[in-house]
Amino acid sequence: MTYQIEISSRAVKQLKKVSTDIRDRINEKILEMAENLRTIGVVKLENTESKYRIRVGNYRVLYEIQDDVLIVIVVSVGHRRDVY
């Protein structure tokens, strides 16, 4: 089952600030998420119903899964010390 990926305007702005090589790795990981959302390395965020994070080096991609409509919304992208 393939999910549609949506990237918030905030996440787009954050991606533009990241170096090209890191951005490419993050984009690859986001595309992989469409096929397999809950792979090894995915962590459900505490005190949330449907928010998760995945690690890409020192960067984190925070996203929300809407299972009822098969959509993943990338909420935030940033360095691990700043993203939360």
Protein backbone atom coordinates (compact mmCIF):
# COMPACT_ATOMS: atom_id res chain seq x y z
CA MET A 1 0.00 0.00 0.00
CA THR A 2 1.60 3.28 -1.14
CA TYR A 3 1.04 6.51 0.72
CA GLN A 4 1.00 9.95 -0.83
CA ILE A 5 3.73 12.22 0.56
CA GLU A 6 3.04 15.88 1.27
CA ILE A 7 5.74 18.25 2.49
CA SER A 8 4.70 21.24 4.56
CA SER A 9 5.89 24.70 3.54
CA ARG A 10 7.90 24.83 6.77
CA ALA A 11 9.72 21.60 5.87
CA VAL A 12 10.41 22.88 2.33
CA LYS A 13 12.06 26.01 3.77
CA GLN A 14 14.09 23.90 6.17
CA LEU A 15 15.24 21.59 3.37
CA LYS A 16 16.48 24.56 1.34
CA LYS A 17 18.85 25.48 4.19
CA VAL A 18 20.49 22.04 4.25
CA SER A 19 23.55 21.20 2.15
CA THR A 20 22.88 19.48 -1.17
CA ASP A 21 24.31 16.07 -0.21
CA ILE A 22 22.29 15.93 3.02
CA ARG A 23 19.17 17.18 1.19
CA ASP A 24 19.54 14.38 -1.38
CA ARG A 25 19.78 11.76 1.40
CA ILE A 26 16.74 13.22 3.15
CA ASN A 27 14.75 13.26 -0.10
CA GLU A 28 15.64 9.60 -0.73
CA LYS A 29 14.46 8.66 2.74
CA ILE A 30 11.20 10.58 2.29
CA LEU A 31 10.52 8.73 -0.97
CA GLU A 32 11.25 5.38 0.71
CA MET A 33 8.68 6.24 3.38
CA ALA A 34 5.89 6.16 0.79
CA GLU A 35 6.41 2.40 0.43
CA ASN A 36 7.29 1.42 4.00
CA LEU A 37 6.36 3.91 6.71
CA ARG A 38 7.22 1.95 9.79
CA THR A 39 10.67 0.56 8.96
CA ILE A 40 13.57 -0.01 11.31
CA GLY A 41 14.77 3.31 12.69
CA VAL A 42 11.34 4.92 12.76
CA VAL A 43 10.42 6.19 16.21
CA LYS A 44 6.92 7.17 17.28
CA LEU A 45 7.02 10.50 19.09
CA GLU A 46 5.85 10.42 22.69
CA ASN A 47 2.49 11.91 23.63
CA THR A 48 1.30 11.97 20.02
CA GLU A 49 -1.27 9.92 18.18
CA SER A 50 0.28 9.75 14.72
CA LYS A 51 3.64 11.58 14.65
CA TYR A 52 6.94 9.86 13.94
CA ARG A 53 10.56 10.67 13.26
CA ILE A 54 13.22 9.06 11.17
CA ARG A 55 16.94 9.63 11.38
CA VAL A 56 19.09 10.65 8.41
CA GLY A 57 22.60 11.08 9.79
CA ASN A 58 22.48 13.98 12.25
CA TYR A 59 19.19 15.18 10.78
CA ARG A 60 15.64 14.22 11.68
CA VAL A 61 12.52 14.13 9.53
CA LEU A 62 9.35 14.58 11.58
CA TYR A 63 6.15 13.43 9.94
CA GLU A 64 2.53 12.61 10.58
CA ILE A 65 0.72 9.58 9.19
CA GLN A 66 -2.93 9.79 8.24
CA ASP A 67 -3.79 6.13 7.71
CA ASP A 68 -7.44 6.76 6.89
CA VAL A 69 -6.56 8.73 3.72
CA LEU A 70 -3.10 7.19 3.00
CA ILE A 71 -1.19 10.47 3.39
CA VAL A 72 2.12 11.24 5.07
CA ILE A 73 2.76 14.88 5.90
CA VAL A 74 6.40 15.83 6.44
CA VAL A 75 6.11 18.45 9.16
CA SER A 76 9.70 19.40 9.92
CA VAL A 77 13.28 18.67 8.85
CA GLY A 78 16.33 19.76 10.78
CA HIS A 79 19.48 19.00 12.70
CA ARG A 80 18.86 16.77 15.70
CA ARG A 81 19.69 19.53 18.19
CA ASP A 82 17.23 22.00 16.63
CA VAL A 83 14.30 20.07 15.17
CA TYR A 84 12.38 19.33 18.35
